[in-house]
Amino acid sequence: MPQISYPTNITASGPWLLDDKQVCLLDGVFDEFQGRLEEEKRTWIQRTTNQDYGDEIEKVADPAAHAARKKYFEELVSTRRLDPDRRSLTVLL
């Protein structure tokens, strides 16, 4: 699963309530790293596809059919395990 560590030097006493302004700022962090996240997602999909379906893909000898089969499994992995319209944030304290 794609992930980025974004260390800070901020100290803030709780409890914390995130209003729309803070959520937009957090969303900006995602936007800032969107390219890296997308690349990590592609790499993760390819690696997972090879691990889970590599033997099945390698059975296909025809290059065009091989590429189509690999693309099919990559889409299967992507749609089963990733939600392209969702962003999540985990805060570790």
C-alpha atoms as a PDB file:
ATOM      1  CA  MET A   1       0.000   0.000   0.000  1.00  0.00           C
ATOM      2  CA  PRO A   2       1.454   3.380  -0.933  1.00  0.00           C
ATOM      3  CA  GLN A   3       2.554   5.487   1.986  1.00  0.00           C
ATOM      4  CA  ILE A   4       4.561   8.587   2.691  1.00  0.00           C
ATOM      5  CA  SER A   5       6.113   9.666   5.956  1.00  0.00           C
ATOM      6  CA  TYR A   6       5.715  13.394   6.576  1.00  0.00           C
ATOM      7  CA  PRO A   7       7.649  14.203   9.748  1.00  0.00           C
ATOM      8  CA  THR A   8       7.025  17.489  11.505  1.00  0.00           C
ATOM      9  CA  ASN A   9       8.439  19.418  14.410  1.00  0.00           C
ATOM     10  CA  ILE A  10       5.049  20.586  15.635  1.00  0.00           C
ATOM     11  CA  THR A  11       3.995  20.020  19.229  1.00  0.00           C
ATOM     12  CA  ALA A  12       0.307  20.442  19.987  1.00  0.00           C
ATOM     13  CA  SER A  13      -1.578  19.578  23.134  1.00  0.00           C
ATOM     14  CA  GLY A  14      -4.834  17.681  22.658  1.00  0.00           C
ATOM     15  CA  PRO A  15      -7.697  17.222  22.382  1.00  0.00           C
ATOM     16  CA  TRP A  16      -7.654  18.047  18.682  1.00  0.00           C
ATOM     17  CA  LEU A  17     -10.631  18.933  16.580  1.00  0.00           C
ATOM     18  CA  LEU A  18     -10.074  19.132  12.864  1.00  0.00           C
ATOM     19  CA  ASP A  19     -12.196  21.750  11.197  1.00  0.00           C
ATOM     20  CA  ASP A  20     -12.542  22.189   7.459  1.00  0.00           C
ATOM     21  CA  LYS A  21      -9.468  24.448   7.287  1.00  0.00           C
ATOM     22  CA  GLN A  22      -7.198  21.836   8.888  1.00  0.00           C
ATOM     23  CA  VAL A  23      -8.638  19.051   6.739  1.00  0.00           C
ATOM     24  CA  CYS A  24      -7.950  21.151   3.625  1.00  0.00           C
ATOM     25  CA  LEU A  25      -4.363  21.674   4.809  1.00  0.00           C
ATOM     26  CA  LEU A  26      -3.966  17.922   5.275  1.00  0.00           C
ATOM     27  CA  ASP A  27      -5.468  17.385   1.839  1.00  0.00           C
ATOM     28  CA  GLY A  28      -2.804  19.765   0.516  1.00  0.00           C
ATOM     29  CA  VAL A  29      -0.113  17.431   1.885  1.00  0.00           C
ATOM     30  CA  PHE A  30      -1.652  14.597  -0.136  1.00  0.00           C
ATOM     31  CA  ASP A  31      -1.725  16.829  -3.213  1.00  0.00           C
ATOM     32  CA  GLU A  32       1.914  17.780  -2.694  1.00  0.00           C
ATOM     33  CA  PHE A  33       2.963  14.133  -2.828  1.00  0.00           C
ATOM     34  CA  GLN A  34       0.376  12.897  -5.342  1.00  0.00           C
ATOM     35  CA  GLY A  35       2.971  11.951  -7.977  1.00  0.00           C
ATOM     36  CA  ARG A  36       5.003   9.870  -5.537  1.00  0.00           C
ATOM     37  CA  LEU A  37       1.866   8.236  -4.179  1.00  0.00           C
ATOM     38  CA  GLU A  38       0.720   7.305  -7.688  1.00  0.00           C
ATOM     39  CA  GLU A  39       4.129   5.825  -8.523  1.00  0.00           C
ATOM     40  CA  GLU A  40       4.144   3.811  -5.294  1.00  0.00           C
ATOM     41  CA  LYS A  41       0.609   2.632  -6.043  1.00  0.00           C
ATOM     42  CA  ARG A  42       1.618   1.458  -9.551  1.00  0.00           C
ATOM     43  CA  THR A  43       4.657  -0.329  -8.131  1.00  0.00           C
ATOM     44  CA  TRP A  44       2.543  -1.967  -5.425  1.00  0.00           C
ATOM     45  CA  ILE A  45      -0.060  -3.132  -7.986  1.00  0.00           C
ATOM     46  CA  GLN A  46       2.636  -4.609 -10.241  1.00  0.00           C
ATOM     47  CA  ARG A  47       4.418  -6.349  -7.352  1.00  0.00           C
ATOM     48  CA  THR A  48       1.170  -7.746  -5.922  1.00  0.00           C
ATOM     49  CA  THR A  49       0.021  -8.898  -9.361  1.00  0.00           C
ATOM     50  CA  ASN A  50       3.323 -10.708  -9.930  1.00  0.00           C
ATOM     51  CA  GLN A  51       3.191 -12.326  -6.483  1.00  0.00           C
ATOM     52  CA  ASP A  52      -0.462 -13.395  -6.668  1.00  0.00           C
ATOM     53  CA  TYR A  53      -0.938 -14.109 -10.387  1.00  0.00           C
ATOM     54  CA  GLY A  54       2.568 -14.330 -11.889  1.00  0.00           C
ATOM     55  CA  ASP A  55       2.337 -18.070 -12.594  1.00  0.00           C
ATOM     56  CA  GLU A  56      -1.033 -17.615 -14.295  1.00  0.00           C
ATOM     57  CA  ILE A  57       0.281 -14.760 -16.454  1.00  0.00           C
ATOM     58  CA  GLU A  58       3.430 -16.646 -17.486  1.00  0.00           C
ATOM     59  CA  LYS A  59       1.340 -19.510 -18.905  1.00  0.00           C
ATOM     60  CA  VAL A  60       0.312 -17.241 -21.803  1.00  0.00           C
ATOM     61  CA  ALA A  61       2.893 -17.420 -24.617  1.00  0.00           C
ATOM     62  CA  ASP A  62       1.467 -14.904 -27.108  1.00  0.00           C
ATOM     63  CA  PRO A  63       2.913 -11.440 -26.272  1.00  0.00           C
ATOM     64  CA  ALA A  64      -0.329  -9.546 -26.919  1.00  0.00           C
ATOM     65  CA  ALA A  65      -2.383 -12.043 -24.911  1.00  0.00           C
ATOM     66  CA  HIS A  66       0.294 -12.004 -22.178  1.00  0.00           C
ATOM     67  CA  ALA A  67       0.067  -8.194 -21.900  1.00  0.00           C
ATOM     68  CA  ALA A  68      -3.734  -8.300 -21.871  1.00  0.00           C
ATOM     69  CA  ARG A  69      -3.739 -10.986 -19.173  1.00  0.00           C
ATOM     70  CA  LYS A  70      -1.299  -8.995 -17.025  1.00  0.00           C
ATOM     71  CA  LYS A  71      -3.389  -5.841 -17.451  1.00  0.00           C
ATOM     72  CA  TYR A  72      -6.522  -7.782 -16.467  1.00  0.00           C
ATOM     73  CA  PHE A  73      -4.925  -9.007 -13.231  1.00  0.00           C
ATOM     74  CA  GLU A  74      -3.474  -5.562 -12.440  1.00  0.00           C
ATOM     75  CA  GLU A  75      -6.961  -4.059 -12.747  1.00  0.00           C
ATOM     76  CA  LEU A  76      -8.342  -6.881 -10.604  1.00  0.00           C
ATOM     77  CA  VAL A  77      -5.776  -6.212  -7.862  1.00  0.00           C
ATOM     78  CA  SER A  78      -6.369  -2.475  -8.097  1.00  0.00           C
ATOM     79  CA  THR A  79     -10.163  -2.590  -7.893  1.00  0.00           C
ATOM     80  CA  ARG A  80     -10.274  -5.229  -5.169  1.00  0.00           C
ATOM     81  CA  ARG A  81      -7.796  -3.615  -2.820  1.00  0.00           C
ATOM     82  CA  LEU A  82      -7.679   0.106  -3.592  1.00  0.00           C
ATOM     83  CA  ASP A  83     -10.348   2.771  -3.640  1.00  0.00           C
ATOM     84  CA  PRO A  84      -9.161   5.448  -6.097  1.00  0.00           C
ATOM     85  CA  ASP A  85     -11.606   8.055  -4.743  1.00  0.00           C
ATOM     86  CA  ARG A  86     -10.577   7.714  -1.115  1.00  0.00           C
ATOM     87  CA  ARG A  87      -7.746   9.166   0.890  1.00  0.00           C
ATOM     88  CA  SER A  88      -6.875   8.008   4.347  1.00  0.00           C
ATOM     89  CA  LEU A  89      -4.626   9.386   7.031  1.00  0.00           C
ATOM     90  CA  THR A  90      -3.118   7.568   9.975  1.00  0.00           C
ATOM     91  CA  VAL A  91      -1.681   9.671  12.771  1.00  0.00           C
ATOM     92  CA  LEU A  92       0.804   7.906  15.017  1.00  0.00           C
ATOM     93  CA  LEU A  93       1.510   9.493  18.373  1.00  0.00           C
END
